Amino acid sequence: MMRAEDLRGPQAARSPQRLAPIVVRRDIEIHRTNPGPYHARVHFSFGDYQDPKHMGVGALVALNHEVHPPAAHLQPRPHVHVQRVTWVVAGELCHRDLQIDSGVQAGGVQRTTPARRSEDLEWNPLPNTELVLIELWLSLSRRPVLHAEQRQYHLDDRRDRWLRIARQHGETGTGVAVDSDARVYVAHLDARRAISHLVAEGRAGYVYLIAGEAAVNMHALRTGDAAVVTDAGHVMVDAGAPSELMLVDTAV
């Protein structure tokens, strides 16, 4: 496996395997809602929180790391111009609409279209356990498919590799299908393991260290830190401790 050290030096900048440029965002810089039974880290402008310096990356217009209390019902957030991808970090999420009456547990992913949220119900079914999830909003590149889609994955599916949990319609393989020019990946790295991802020309990305310690393109990140990938190149991740990561690869 290629490691970050292999891409150092003057030749790296001219190589097709060069490191992608990144801008690190520290956890302390990312907005937090007021502490309470529900709280969240809000990475980009969202609702009442407006930050003109952080309006999203390409098709990624929202990334919220949310904690919901036991037995909580999630509030609908209708929006006609986006599609939502939800990754369950811990706990269980139940969803009910005209097509689905089921849920996903930790390691599960769900795709919904917020324009229909008035018809949907979502809740935490566990009476004594918090629900932790990451909610992504992706801008649309085509007319959306309105029904929800869910897939359940497990730790071994993403251990020491990228697992694609959202893909464009028309692509085959893992992940829910989204109506956006974006792909979403997650990974669990054991200590001293490394993985890479190539961001192609005309694209950018966002890396979020959900938990752990890892170097991203030789920048040390800790739990809650993130990095904006501003141009094409390899995104190299070297874990210094067991780590959970998410990466969004998007057109710009």
C-alpha atoms as a PDB file:
ATOM      1  CA  MET A   1       0.000   0.000   0.000  1.00  0.00           C
ATOM      2  CA  MET A   2       1.302   3.441  -0.919  1.00  0.00           C
ATOM      3  CA  ARG A   3       1.954   5.619   2.109  1.00  0.00           C
ATOM      4  CA  ALA A   4       2.210   9.379   2.483  1.00  0.00           C
ATOM      5  CA  GLU A   5       6.020   9.199   2.739  1.00  0.00           C
ATOM      6  CA  ASP A   6       6.122   7.871  -0.823  1.00  0.00           C
ATOM      7  CA  LEU A   7       4.648  11.140  -2.120  1.00  0.00           C
ATOM      8  CA  ARG A   8       7.068  13.592  -0.502  1.00  0.00           C
ATOM      9  CA  GLY A   9       9.660  15.620  -2.406  1.00  0.00           C
ATOM     10  CA  PRO A  10       9.699  17.829  -5.526  1.00  0.00           C
ATOM     11  CA  GLN A  11       8.629  15.021  -7.838  1.00  0.00           C
ATOM     12  CA  ALA A  12       5.394  14.550  -5.886  1.00  0.00           C
ATOM     13  CA  ALA A  13       3.948  17.893  -6.989  1.00  0.00           C
ATOM     14  CA  ARG A  14       4.325  16.875 -10.660  1.00  0.00           C
ATOM     15  CA  SER A  15       3.187  13.291 -10.203  1.00  0.00           C
ATOM     16  CA  PRO A  16      -0.343  12.076 -10.952  1.00  0.00           C
ATOM     17  CA  GLN A  17      -0.045  10.518  -7.479  1.00  0.00           C
ATOM     18  CA  ARG A  18       0.539  13.856  -5.767  1.00  0.00           C
ATOM     19  CA  LEU A  19      -1.145  14.621  -2.472  1.00  0.00           C
ATOM     20  CA  ALA A  20      -4.350  16.621  -2.775  1.00  0.00           C
ATOM     21  CA  PRO A  21      -4.132  20.061  -1.131  1.00  0.00           C
ATOM     22  CA  ILE A  22      -6.191  20.305   2.047  1.00  0.00           C
ATOM     23  CA  VAL A  23      -7.284  22.955   4.536  1.00  0.00           C
ATOM     24  CA  VAL A  24      -7.615  21.619   8.077  1.00  0.00           C
ATOM     25  CA  ARG A  25     -10.556  22.590  10.281  1.00  0.00           C
ATOM     26  CA  ARG A  26     -10.090  21.942  13.996  1.00  0.00           C
ATOM     27  CA  ASP A  27     -12.920  20.634  16.156  1.00  0.00           C
ATOM     28  CA  ILE A  28     -12.908  23.839  18.205  1.00  0.00           C
ATOM     29  CA  GLU A  29     -13.627  25.850  15.027  1.00  0.00           C
ATOM     30  CA  ILE A  30     -16.758  23.835  14.137  1.00  0.00           C
ATOM     31  CA  HIS A  31     -20.057  25.227  15.404  1.00  0.00           C
ATOM     32  CA  ARG A  32     -21.824  23.500  18.286  1.00  0.00           C
ATOM     33  CA  THR A  33     -25.473  23.868  19.155  1.00  0.00           C
ATOM     34  CA  ASN A  34     -26.346  24.675  22.756  1.00  0.00           C
ATOM     35  CA  PRO A  35     -25.773  21.663  25.030  1.00  0.00           C
ATOM     36  CA  GLY A  36     -28.893  19.728  25.935  1.00  0.00           C
ATOM     37  CA  PRO A  37     -30.614  16.397  25.303  1.00  0.00           C
ATOM     38  CA  TYR A  38     -30.166  17.135  21.579  1.00  0.00           C
ATOM     39  CA  HIS A  39     -26.862  18.623  20.468  1.00  0.00           C
ATOM     40  CA  ALA A  40     -24.826  18.708  17.291  1.00  0.00           C
ATOM     41  CA  ARG A  41     -21.643  19.794  15.555  1.00  0.00           C
ATOM     42  CA  VAL A  42     -22.703  21.837  12.519  1.00  0.00           C
ATOM     43  CA  HIS A  43     -19.925  22.022   9.922  1.00  0.00           C
ATOM     44  CA  PHE A  44     -21.542  24.463   7.461  1.00  0.00           C
ATOM     45  CA  SER A  45     -24.182  27.179   7.473  1.00  0.00           C
ATOM     46  CA  PHE A  46     -27.443  25.532   8.468  1.00  0.00           C
ATOM     47  CA  GLY A  47     -30.742  26.919   9.738  1.00  0.00           C
ATOM     48  CA  ASP A  48     -30.194  29.711  12.244  1.00  0.00           C
ATOM     49  CA  TYR A  49     -26.406  29.237  12.103  1.00  0.00           C
ATOM     50  CA  GLN A  50     -24.924  31.227   9.238  1.00  0.00           C
ATOM     51  CA  ASP A  51     -21.197  31.293   8.453  1.00  0.00           C
ATOM     52  CA  PRO A  52     -20.273  32.848   5.093  1.00  0.00           C
ATOM     53  CA  LYS A  53     -16.782  31.283   5.303  1.00  0.00           C
ATOM     54  CA  HIS A  54     -18.206  27.766   5.452  1.00  0.00           C
ATOM     55  CA  MET A  55     -21.091  27.302   3.018  1.00  0.00           C
ATOM     56  CA  GLY A  56     -20.281  23.734   1.987  1.00  0.00           C
ATOM     57  CA  VAL A  57     -17.990  22.009  -0.508  1.00  0.00           C
ATOM     58  CA  GLY A  58     -19.347  21.423  -3.999  1.00  0.00           C
ATOM     59  CA  ALA A  59     -22.559  19.400  -3.744  1.00  0.00           C
ATOM     60  CA  LEU A  60     -22.102  18.949   0.019  1.00  0.00           C
ATOM     61  CA  VAL A  61     -24.169  21.732   1.586  1.00  0.00           C
ATOM     62  CA  ALA A  62     -24.619  20.385   5.126  1.00  0.00           C
ATOM     63  CA  LEU A  63     -22.858  17.989   7.492  1.00  0.00           C
ATOM     64  CA  ASN A  64     -24.282  17.730  11.010  1.00  0.00           C
ATOM     65  CA  HIS A  65     -22.987  15.310  13.658  1.00  0.00           C
ATOM     66  CA  GLU A  66     -26.089  14.924  15.834  1.00  0.00           C
ATOM     67  CA  VAL A  67     -26.849  13.308  19.192  1.00  0.00           C
ATOM     68  CA  HIS A  68     -30.527  12.559  19.908  1.00  0.00           C
ATOM     69  CA  PRO A  69     -31.758  11.481  23.354  1.00  0.00           C
ATOM     70  CA  PRO A  70     -33.371   8.101  24.064  1.00  0.00           C
ATOM     71  CA  ALA A  71     -36.855   7.642  22.533  1.00  0.00           C
ATOM     72  CA  ALA A  72     -36.577  10.974  20.675  1.00  0.00           C
ATOM     73  CA  HIS A  73     -38.610  11.767  17.563  1.00  0.00           C
ATOM     74  CA  LEU A  74     -36.574  13.564  14.892  1.00  0.00           C
ATOM     75  CA  GLN A  75     -37.923  16.865  13.660  1.00  0.00           C
ATOM     76  CA  PRO A  76     -38.659  17.157   9.914  1.00  0.00           C
ATOM     77  CA  ARG A  77     -36.574  19.671   7.956  1.00  0.00           C
ATOM     78  CA  PRO A  78     -38.289  20.100   4.560  1.00  0.00           C
ATOM     79  CA  HIS A  79     -36.066  21.406   1.755  1.00  0.00           C
ATOM     80  CA  VAL A  80     -36.831  21.092  -1.959  1.00  0.00           C
ATOM     81  CA  HIS A  81     -33.295  21.428  -3.357  1.00  0.00           C
ATOM     82  CA  VAL A  82     -31.378  18.677  -1.539  1.00  0.00           C
ATOM     83  CA  GLN A  83     -31.237  15.003  -0.770  1.00  0.00           C
ATOM     84  CA  ARG A  84     -30.309  13.709   2.657  1.00  0.00           C
ATOM     85  CA  VAL A  85     -27.892  10.904   3.512  1.00  0.00           C
ATOM     86  CA  THR A  86     -27.872   9.718   7.126  1.00  0.00           C
ATOM     87  CA  TRP A  87     -25.080   7.554   8.581  1.00  0.00           C
ATOM     88  CA  VAL A  88     -25.859   5.940  11.936  1.00  0.00           C
ATOM     89  CA  VAL A  89     -22.787   6.140  14.183  1.00  0.00           C
ATOM     90  CA  ALA A  90     -24.400   4.615  17.298  1.00  0.00           C
ATOM     91  CA  GLY A  91     -27.850   3.451  18.322  1.00  0.00           C
ATOM     92  CA  GLU A  92     -30.776   2.789  15.999  1.00  0.00           C
ATOM     93  CA  LEU A  93     -32.869   4.932  13.642  1.00  0.00           C
ATOM     94  CA  CYS A  94     -36.429   3.941  12.689  1.00  0.00           C
ATOM     95  CA  HIS A  95     -38.084   5.326   9.558  1.00  0.00           C
ATOM     96  CA  ARG A  96     -41.689   5.042   8.400  1.00  0.00           C
ATOM     97  CA  ASP A  97     -43.176   6.349   5.157  1.00  0.00           C
ATOM     98  CA  LEU A  98     -45.380   5.037   2.335  1.00  0.00           C
ATOM     99  CA  GLN A  99     -42.718   2.541   1.205  1.00  0.00           C
ATOM    100  CA  ILE A 100     -40.603   1.754   4.296  1.00  0.00           C
ATOM    101  CA  ASP A 101     -41.435   0.744   7.834  1.00  0.00           C
ATOM    102  CA  SER A 102     -38.073  -0.351   9.210  1.00  0.00           C
ATOM    103  CA  GLY A 103     -34.799   0.994  10.548  1.00  0.00           C
ATOM    104  CA  VAL A 104     -31.031   0.831  10.503  1.00  0.00           C
ATOM    105  CA  GLN A 105     -28.605   0.323  13.342  1.00  0.00           C
ATOM    106  CA  ALA A 106     -25.032   1.553  13.821  1.00  0.00           C
ATOM    107  CA  GLY A 107     -23.282   1.090  10.489  1.00  0.00           C
ATOM    108  CA  GLY A 108     -26.457   1.692   8.505  1.00  0.00           C
ATOM    109  CA  VAL A 109     -27.124   4.372   5.893  1.00  0.00           C
ATOM    110  CA  GLN A 110     -30.366   5.950   4.708  1.00  0.00           C
ATOM    111  CA  ARG A 111     -31.233   8.149   1.725  1.00  0.00           C
ATOM    112  CA  THR A 112     -34.300  10.396   1.878  1.00  0.00           C
ATOM    113  CA  THR A 113     -35.632  13.439   0.075  1.00  0.00           C
ATOM    114  CA  PRO A 114     -36.504  16.162   2.615  1.00  0.00           C
ATOM    115  CA  ALA A 115     -39.230  17.608   0.377  1.00  0.00           C
ATOM    116  CA  ARG A 116     -41.357  14.644   1.495  1.00  0.00           C
ATOM    117  CA  ARG A 117     -40.567  14.791   5.189  1.00  0.00           C
ATOM    118  CA  SER A 118     -44.136  15.873   5.989  1.00  0.00           C
ATOM    119  CA  GLU A 119     -45.110  12.268   5.151  1.00  0.00           C
ATOM    120  CA  ASP A 120     -42.222  10.662   7.033  1.00  0.00           C
ATOM    121  CA  LEU A 121     -41.725   9.695  10.655  1.00  0.00           C
ATOM    122  CA  GLU A 122     -38.302   9.062  12.191  1.00  0.00           C
ATOM    123  CA  TRP A 123     -37.429   8.249  15.773  1.00  0.00           C
ATOM    124  CA  ASN A 124     -35.007   6.609  18.181  1.00  0.00           C
ATOM    125  CA  PRO A 125     -36.724   3.380  19.300  1.00  0.00           C
ATOM    126  CA  LEU A 126     -34.326   2.719  22.188  1.00  0.00           C
ATOM    127  CA  PRO A 127     -35.632   3.915  25.587  1.00  0.00           C
ATOM    128  CA  ASN A 128     -32.225   4.099  27.287  1.00  0.00           C
ATOM    129  CA  THR A 129     -29.725   4.726  24.478  1.00  0.00           C
ATOM    130  CA  GLU A 130     -28.767   7.866  22.570  1.00  0.00           C
ATOM    131  CA  LEU A 131     -28.932   7.941  18.779  1.00  0.00           C
ATOM    132  CA  VAL A 132     -25.784   9.358  17.169  1.00  0.00           C
ATOM    133  CA  LEU A 133     -25.878  10.079  13.462  1.00  0.00           C
ATOM    134  CA  ILE A 134     -24.236  12.150  10.761  1.00  0.00           C
ATOM    135  CA  GLU A 135     -26.674  13.926   8.486  1.00  0.00           C
ATOM    136  CA  LEU A 136     -25.478  15.084   5.068  1.00  0.00           C
ATOM    137  CA  TRP A 137     -27.389  17.290   2.666  1.00  0.00           C
ATOM    138  CA  LEU A 138     -26.394  17.016  -1.001  1.00  0.00           C
ATOM    139  CA  SER A 139     -27.544  19.428  -3.704  1.00  0.00           C
ATOM    140  CA  LEU A 140     -29.449  17.822  -6.553  1.00  0.00           C
ATOM    141  CA  SER A 141     -28.086  17.250 -10.053  1.00  0.00           C
ATOM    142  CA  ARG A 142     -31.259  15.573 -11.394  1.00  0.00           C
ATOM    143  CA  ARG A 143     -34.911  15.161 -10.489  1.00  0.00           C
ATOM    144  CA  PRO A 144     -34.905  13.243  -7.211  1.00  0.00           C
ATOM    145  CA  VAL A 145     -36.209   9.776  -6.543  1.00  0.00           C
ATOM    146  CA  LEU A 146     -38.641  10.437  -3.719  1.00  0.00           C
ATOM    147  CA  HIS A 147     -38.749   7.093  -1.932  1.00  0.00           C
ATOM    148  CA  ALA A 148     -36.317   6.347   0.872  1.00  0.00           C
ATOM    149  CA  GLU A 149     -33.575   3.729   0.623  1.00  0.00           C
ATOM    150  CA  GLN A 150     -31.686   2.010   3.444  1.00  0.00           C
ATOM    151  CA  ARG A 151     -28.702  -0.317   3.635  1.00  0.00           C
ATOM    152  CA  GLN A 152     -27.156  -1.943   6.677  1.00  0.00           C
ATOM    153  CA  TYR A 153     -23.388  -2.427   6.891  1.00  0.00           C
ATOM    154  CA  HIS A 154     -21.090  -3.750   9.594  1.00  0.00           C
ATOM    155  CA  LEU A 155     -17.640  -2.996  10.971  1.00  0.00           C
ATOM    156  CA  ASP A 156     -15.861  -5.551   8.794  1.00  0.00           C
ATOM    157  CA  ASP A 157     -17.323  -3.906   5.673  1.00  0.00           C
ATOM    158  CA  ARG A 158     -15.235  -0.786   6.341  1.00  0.00           C
ATOM    159  CA  ARG A 159     -12.300  -2.133   8.365  1.00  0.00           C
ATOM    160  CA  ASP A 160      -9.048  -0.750   6.922  1.00  0.00           C
ATOM    161  CA  ARG A 161     -10.728   0.252   3.666  1.00  0.00           C
ATOM    162  CA  TRP A 162     -13.127   2.806   2.260  1.00  0.00           C
ATOM    163  CA  LEU A 163     -16.732   1.626   2.099  1.00  0.00           C
ATOM    164  CA  ARG A 164     -18.884   3.625  -0.300  1.00  0.00           C
ATOM    165  CA  ILE A 165     -22.213   4.306   1.419  1.00  0.00           C
ATOM    166  CA  ALA A 166     -23.667   6.704  -1.202  1.00  0.00           C
ATOM    167  CA  ARG A 167     -23.239   6.564  -4.970  1.00  0.00           C
ATOM    168  CA  GLN A 168     -24.673   8.330  -7.977  1.00  0.00           C
ATOM    169  CA  HIS A 169     -27.728   6.825  -9.672  1.00  0.00           C
ATOM    170  CA  GLY A 170     -26.553   4.599 -12.497  1.00  0.00           C
ATOM    171  CA  GLU A 171     -23.457   3.393 -10.660  1.00  0.00           C
ATOM    172  CA  THR A 172     -23.360  -0.182  -9.399  1.00  0.00           C
ATOM    173  CA  GLY A 173     -21.955  -1.490  -6.157  1.00  0.00           C
ATOM    174  CA  THR A 174     -22.292  -0.522  -2.530  1.00  0.00           C
ATOM    175  CA  GLY A 175     -24.211   2.415  -1.132  1.00  0.00           C
ATOM    176  CA  VAL A 176     -27.586   4.064  -1.472  1.00  0.00           C
ATOM    177  CA  ALA A 177     -28.209   5.845  -4.785  1.00  0.00           C
ATOM    178  CA  VAL A 178     -28.309   9.651  -4.657  1.00  0.00           C
ATOM    179  CA  ASP A 179     -29.467  12.255  -7.167  1.00  0.00           C
ATOM    180  CA  SER A 180     -26.305  14.316  -6.690  1.00  0.00           C
ATOM    181  CA  ASP A 181     -22.813  14.402  -8.202  1.00  0.00           C
ATOM    182  CA  ALA A 182     -21.250  13.151  -4.979  1.00  0.00           C
ATOM    183  CA  ARG A 183     -20.087   9.938  -3.346  1.00  0.00           C
ATOM    184  CA  VAL A 184     -19.772   9.270   0.377  1.00  0.00           C
ATOM    185  CA  TYR A 185     -17.301   6.855   1.971  1.00  0.00           C
ATOM    186  CA  VAL A 186     -16.629   5.674   5.533  1.00  0.00           C
ATOM    187  CA  ALA A 187     -13.729   3.711   7.014  1.00  0.00           C
ATOM    188  CA  HIS A 188     -12.598   2.194  10.296  1.00  0.00           C
ATOM    189  CA  LEU A 189      -8.810   2.073  10.571  1.00  0.00           C
ATOM    190  CA  ASP A 190      -6.951   0.047  13.121  1.00  0.00           C
ATOM    191  CA  ALA A 191      -3.834   1.690  14.585  1.00  0.00           C
ATOM    192  CA  ARG A 192      -0.903   2.012  12.159  1.00  0.00           C
ATOM    193  CA  ARG A 193      -3.026   1.214   9.123  1.00  0.00           C
ATOM    194  CA  ALA A 194      -3.267   3.467   6.060  1.00  0.00           C
ATOM    195  CA  ILE A 195      -5.644   3.950   3.137  1.00  0.00           C
ATOM    196  CA  SER A 196      -5.852   6.371   0.214  1.00  0.00           C
ATOM    197  CA  HIS A 197      -8.488   7.870  -2.054  1.00  0.00           C
ATOM    198  CA  LEU A 198      -7.939   9.633  -5.378  1.00  0.00           C
ATOM    199  CA  VAL A 199      -9.888  12.860  -5.936  1.00  0.00           C
ATOM    200  CA  ALA A 200     -10.113  13.353  -9.704  1.00  0.00           C
ATOM    201  CA  GLU A 201      -9.665  16.572 -11.657  1.00  0.00           C
ATOM    202  CA  GLY A 202     -12.656  18.895 -11.355  1.00  0.00           C
ATOM    203  CA  ARG A 203     -13.608  17.493  -7.970  1.00  0.00           C
ATOM    204  CA  ALA A 204     -13.022  18.300  -4.308  1.00  0.00           C
ATOM    205  CA  GLY A 205     -13.826  16.697  -0.993  1.00  0.00           C
ATOM    206  CA  TYR A 206     -14.352  16.815   2.739  1.00  0.00           C
ATOM    207  CA  VAL A 207     -12.774  14.469   5.290  1.00  0.00           C
ATOM    208  CA  TYR A 208     -14.230  14.200   8.807  1.00  0.00           C
ATOM    209  CA  LEU A 209     -12.453  12.342  11.608  1.00  0.00           C
ATOM    210  CA  ILE A 210     -15.438  11.052  13.553  1.00  0.00           C
ATOM    211  CA  ALA A 211     -13.212   9.533  16.216  1.00  0.00           C
ATOM    212  CA  GLY A 212      -9.555   8.677  16.733  1.00  0.00           C
ATOM    213  CA  GLU A 213      -6.187  10.066  15.653  1.00  0.00           C
ATOM    214  CA  ALA A 214      -4.964  10.082  12.068  1.00  0.00           C
ATOM    215  CA  ALA A 215      -2.710  12.002   9.702  1.00  0.00           C
ATOM    216  CA  VAL A 216      -4.464  13.217   6.558  1.00  0.00           C
ATOM    217  CA  ASN A 217      -1.917  14.166   3.910  1.00  0.00           C
ATOM    218  CA  MET A 218       0.625  14.469   6.726  1.00  0.00           C
ATOM    219  CA  HIS A 219      -1.556  16.830   8.817  1.00  0.00           C
ATOM    220  CA  ALA A 220      -2.330  15.429  12.286  1.00  0.00           C
ATOM    221  CA  LEU A 221      -6.067  15.257  13.032  1.00  0.00           C
ATOM    222  CA  ARG A 222      -7.871  14.272  16.213  1.00  0.00           C
ATOM    223  CA  THR A 223     -11.501  13.446  17.007  1.00  0.00           C
ATOM    224  CA  GLY A 224     -13.813  16.115  15.562  1.00  0.00           C
ATOM    225  CA  ASP A 225     -11.273  17.641  13.179  1.00  0.00           C
ATOM    226  CA  ALA A 226     -11.981  17.865   9.446  1.00  0.00           C
ATOM    227  CA  ALA A 227     -10.190  18.772   6.222  1.00  0.00           C
ATOM    228  CA  VAL A 228     -11.408  20.429   3.034  1.00  0.00           C
ATOM    229  CA  VAL A 229      -9.861  18.852  -0.076  1.00  0.00           C
ATOM    230  CA  THR A 230      -9.521  21.811  -2.423  1.00  0.00           C
ATOM    231  CA  ASP A 231      -8.162  20.159  -5.602  1.00  0.00           C
ATOM    232  CA  ALA A 232      -7.333  16.868  -7.267  1.00  0.00           C
ATOM    233  CA  GLY A 233      -4.854  14.369  -5.859  1.00  0.00           C
ATOM    234  CA  HIS A 234      -4.527  11.547  -3.371  1.00  0.00           C
ATOM    235  CA  VAL A 235      -6.019  11.760   0.103  1.00  0.00           C
ATOM    236  CA  MET A 236      -3.718   9.666   2.316  1.00  0.00           C
ATOM    237  CA  VAL A 237      -4.886   8.633   5.780  1.00  0.00           C
ATOM    238  CA  ASP A 238      -2.478   7.091   8.314  1.00  0.00           C
ATOM    239  CA  ALA A 239      -4.072   6.081  11.606  1.00  0.00           C
ATOM    240  CA  GLY A 240      -2.137   6.612  14.822  1.00  0.00           C
ATOM    241  CA  ALA A 241      -4.954   5.020  16.844  1.00  0.00           C
ATOM    242  CA  PRO A 242      -8.202   3.216  15.962  1.00  0.00           C
ATOM    243  CA  SER A 243     -10.139   5.761  13.909  1.00  0.00           C
ATOM    244  CA  GLU A 244     -13.515   6.293  12.250  1.00  0.00           C
ATOM    245  CA  LEU A 245     -13.616   8.529   9.172  1.00  0.00           C
ATOM    246  CA  MET A 246     -16.003   9.864   6.570  1.00  0.00           C
ATOM    247  CA  LEU A 247     -15.027  11.238   3.162  1.00  0.00           C
ATOM    248  CA  VAL A 248     -17.271  13.064   0.676  1.00  0.00           C
ATOM    249  CA  ASP A 249     -16.011  13.239  -2.930  1.00  0.00           C
ATOM    250  CA  THR A 250     -17.941  15.872  -4.888  1.00  0.00           C
ATOM    251  CA  ALA A 251     -17.991  17.775  -8.148  1.00  0.00           C
ATOM    252  CA  VAL A 252     -17.233  21.483  -7.858  1.00  0.00           C
END
